[in-house]
Amino acid sequence: MLDSNKIIENPEIVKRNLEYEEQIKKIRKEVAEKFEQYNKTILYMTGDAPISILCLPTPIEKALLNYGCLRIYDLFNLDFTKVKGLGIARIRDLTARLDEFIAML
């Protein structure tokens, strides 16, 4: 660490340190923005995956396909109770698999 006498003697050091800190702040902001964009892209890409990636039992997958659900994002905001062929046990299994899939992200 510099003492106050050296700072007064060499203000260039202070200027360089301030410039360095500003550059670091800018880089951190850029990285955070890029990470947010990356995160959104990954979430979209995973939502676009076929429902077969969930490794669902055949009756559940067949019921979803018959209802018109082909992709993971088709399951978002879907009222599973309206899907013919899905009872309480199958809905529990489906939501558990969705939770596991989302937790992997």
C-alpha atoms as a PDB file:
ATOM      1  CA  MET A   1       0.000   0.000   0.000  1.00  0.00           C
ATOM      2  CA  LEU A   2       1.208   3.501  -0.736  1.00  0.00           C
ATOM      3  CA  ASP A   3       1.492   6.091   1.959  1.00  0.00           C
ATOM      4  CA  SER A   4       0.028   9.548   1.454  1.00  0.00           C
ATOM      5  CA  ASN A   5       3.428  11.149   0.754  1.00  0.00           C
ATOM      6  CA  LYS A   6       4.076   8.872  -2.221  1.00  0.00           C
ATOM      7  CA  ILE A   7       0.592   9.547  -3.607  1.00  0.00           C
ATOM      8  CA  ILE A   8       1.215  13.274  -3.469  1.00  0.00           C
ATOM      9  CA  GLU A   9       4.614  12.781  -5.091  1.00  0.00           C
ATOM     10  CA  ASN A  10       3.224  10.602  -7.885  1.00  0.00           C
ATOM     11  CA  PRO A  11      -0.367  11.466  -8.828  1.00  0.00           C
ATOM     12  CA  GLU A  12       0.070   9.355 -11.974  1.00  0.00           C
ATOM     13  CA  ILE A  13      -0.226   6.236  -9.833  1.00  0.00           C
ATOM     14  CA  VAL A  14      -3.569   7.436  -8.509  1.00  0.00           C
ATOM     15  CA  LYS A  15      -4.772   8.193 -12.025  1.00  0.00           C
ATOM     16  CA  ARG A  16      -3.759   4.723 -13.254  1.00  0.00           C
ATOM     17  CA  ASN A  17      -5.472   3.043 -10.303  1.00  0.00           C
ATOM     18  CA  LEU A  18      -8.691   4.954 -10.940  1.00  0.00           C
ATOM     19  CA  GLU A  19      -8.574   4.090 -14.648  1.00  0.00           C
ATOM     20  CA  TYR A  20      -7.948   0.451 -13.770  1.00  0.00           C
ATOM     21  CA  GLU A  21     -10.911   0.391 -11.384  1.00  0.00           C
ATOM     22  CA  GLU A  22     -13.150   1.941 -14.042  1.00  0.00           C
ATOM     23  CA  GLN A  23     -12.039  -0.678 -16.571  1.00  0.00           C
ATOM     24  CA  ILE A  24     -12.776  -3.465 -14.082  1.00  0.00           C
ATOM     25  CA  LYS A  25     -16.273  -2.063 -13.416  1.00  0.00           C
ATOM     26  CA  LYS A  26     -16.941  -1.882 -17.151  1.00  0.00           C
ATOM     27  CA  ILE A  27     -15.739  -5.459 -17.686  1.00  0.00           C
ATOM     28  CA  ARG A  28     -17.869  -6.751 -14.791  1.00  0.00           C
ATOM     29  CA  LYS A  29     -20.927  -5.015 -16.234  1.00  0.00           C
ATOM     30  CA  GLU A  30     -20.273  -6.471 -19.704  1.00  0.00           C
ATOM     31  CA  VAL A  31     -19.775  -9.975 -18.293  1.00  0.00           C
ATOM     32  CA  ALA A  32     -23.009  -9.729 -16.297  1.00  0.00           C
ATOM     33  CA  GLU A  33     -24.917  -8.590 -19.400  1.00  0.00           C
ATOM     34  CA  LYS A  34     -23.446 -11.374 -21.544  1.00  0.00           C
ATOM     35  CA  PHE A  35     -24.220 -13.944 -18.871  1.00  0.00           C
ATOM     36  CA  GLU A  36     -27.837 -12.756 -18.738  1.00  0.00           C
ATOM     37  CA  GLN A  37     -28.115 -13.079 -22.535  1.00  0.00           C
ATOM     38  CA  TYR A  38     -26.481 -16.512 -22.397  1.00  0.00           C
ATOM     39  CA  ASN A  39     -28.867 -17.623 -19.652  1.00  0.00           C
ATOM     40  CA  LYS A  40     -31.912 -16.542 -21.680  1.00  0.00           C
ATOM     41  CA  THR A  41     -30.591 -18.335 -24.756  1.00  0.00           C
ATOM     42  CA  ILE A  42     -29.950 -21.548 -22.849  1.00  0.00           C
ATOM     43  CA  LEU A  43     -33.412 -21.464 -21.281  1.00  0.00           C
ATOM     44  CA  TYR A  44     -35.005 -20.948 -24.685  1.00  0.00           C
ATOM     45  CA  MET A  45     -32.944 -23.734 -26.241  1.00  0.00           C
ATOM     46  CA  THR A  46     -33.798 -26.190 -23.478  1.00  0.00           C
ATOM     47  CA  GLY A  47     -37.462 -25.265 -23.725  1.00  0.00           C
ATOM     48  CA  ASP A  48     -37.301 -26.115 -27.412  1.00  0.00           C
ATOM     49  CA  ALA A  49     -36.164 -29.666 -26.636  1.00  0.00           C
ATOM     50  CA  PRO A  50     -38.570 -32.514 -27.439  1.00  0.00           C
ATOM     51  CA  ILE A  51     -40.521 -33.950 -24.519  1.00  0.00           C
ATOM     52  CA  SER A  52     -38.783 -37.278 -25.096  1.00  0.00           C
ATOM     53  CA  ILE A  53     -35.752 -35.793 -23.328  1.00  0.00           C
ATOM     54  CA  LEU A  54     -37.685 -36.148 -20.064  1.00  0.00           C
ATOM     55  CA  CYS A  55     -37.645 -39.974 -20.442  1.00  0.00           C
ATOM     56  CA  LEU A  56     -41.296 -40.167 -19.495  1.00  0.00           C
ATOM     57  CA  PRO A  57     -43.162 -43.459 -19.251  1.00  0.00           C
ATOM     58  CA  THR A  58     -44.880 -44.316 -22.540  1.00  0.00           C
ATOM     59  CA  PRO A  59     -48.455 -43.637 -21.335  1.00  0.00           C
ATOM     60  CA  ILE A  60     -47.550 -40.122 -20.131  1.00  0.00           C
ATOM     61  CA  GLU A  61     -45.606 -39.279 -23.274  1.00  0.00           C
ATOM     62  CA  LYS A  62     -48.394 -40.634 -25.477  1.00  0.00           C
ATOM     63  CA  ALA A  63     -51.041 -38.618 -23.595  1.00  0.00           C
ATOM     64  CA  LEU A  64     -48.983 -35.435 -24.007  1.00  0.00           C
ATOM     65  CA  LEU A  65     -48.352 -36.087 -27.700  1.00  0.00           C
ATOM     66  CA  ASN A  66     -52.063 -36.720 -28.280  1.00  0.00           C
ATOM     67  CA  TYR A  67     -52.791 -33.406 -26.559  1.00  0.00           C
ATOM     68  CA  GLY A  68     -50.362 -31.687 -28.944  1.00  0.00           C
ATOM     69  CA  CYS A  69     -47.380 -31.214 -26.640  1.00  0.00           C
ATOM     70  CA  LEU A  70     -44.251 -31.836 -28.657  1.00  0.00           C
ATOM     71  CA  ARG A  71     -41.709 -29.620 -26.900  1.00  0.00           C
ATOM     72  CA  ILE A  72     -40.767 -28.807 -23.300  1.00  0.00           C
ATOM     73  CA  TYR A  73     -42.098 -25.255 -23.705  1.00  0.00           C
ATOM     74  CA  ASP A  74     -45.510 -26.749 -24.553  1.00  0.00           C
ATOM     75  CA  LEU A  75     -45.630 -27.983 -20.964  1.00  0.00           C
ATOM     76  CA  PHE A  76     -45.058 -24.574 -19.427  1.00  0.00           C
ATOM     77  CA  ASN A  77     -48.340 -23.094 -18.148  1.00  0.00           C
ATOM     78  CA  LEU A  78     -50.206 -26.243 -19.187  1.00  0.00           C
ATOM     79  CA  ASP A  79     -53.020 -27.415 -16.919  1.00  0.00           C
ATOM     80  CA  PHE A  80     -52.101 -31.099 -16.705  1.00  0.00           C
ATOM     81  CA  THR A  81     -55.528 -31.985 -15.336  1.00  0.00           C
ATOM     82  CA  LYS A  82     -57.008 -31.183 -18.760  1.00  0.00           C
ATOM     83  CA  VAL A  83     -54.805 -33.709 -20.545  1.00  0.00           C
ATOM     84  CA  LYS A  84     -56.766 -36.902 -21.114  1.00  0.00           C
ATOM     85  CA  GLY A  85     -54.899 -39.913 -19.745  1.00  0.00           C
ATOM     86  CA  LEU A  86     -53.027 -38.100 -16.986  1.00  0.00           C
ATOM     87  CA  GLY A  87     -54.168 -38.988 -13.497  1.00  0.00           C
ATOM     88  CA  ILE A  88     -52.768 -37.849 -10.184  1.00  0.00           C
ATOM     89  CA  ALA A  89     -49.897 -40.355 -10.145  1.00  0.00           C
ATOM     90  CA  ARG A  90     -48.872 -39.586 -13.732  1.00  0.00           C
ATOM     91  CA  ILE A  91     -49.040 -35.840 -13.122  1.00  0.00           C
ATOM     92  CA  ARG A  92     -46.781 -36.292 -10.086  1.00  0.00           C
ATOM     93  CA  ASP A  93     -44.318 -38.284 -12.194  1.00  0.00           C
ATOM     94  CA  LEU A  94     -44.426 -35.682 -14.963  1.00  0.00           C
ATOM     95  CA  THR A  95     -43.865 -32.748 -12.608  1.00  0.00           C
ATOM     96  CA  ALA A  96     -41.036 -34.607 -10.862  1.00  0.00           C
ATOM     97  CA  ARG A  97     -39.298 -35.171 -14.201  1.00  0.00           C
ATOM     98  CA  LEU A  98     -39.817 -31.542 -15.187  1.00  0.00           C
ATOM     99  CA  ASP A  99     -38.350 -30.434 -11.839  1.00  0.00           C
ATOM    100  CA  GLU A 100     -35.310 -32.654 -12.398  1.00  0.00           C
ATOM    101  CA  PHE A 101     -34.867 -31.304 -15.919  1.00  0.00           C
ATOM    102  CA  ILE A 102     -35.113 -27.670 -14.809  1.00  0.00           C
ATOM    103  CA  ALA A 103     -32.779 -28.310 -11.858  1.00  0.00           C
ATOM    104  CA  MET A 104     -30.099 -29.494 -14.309  1.00  0.00           C
ATOM    105  CA  LEU A 105     -30.108 -26.095 -15.979  1.00  0.00           C
END
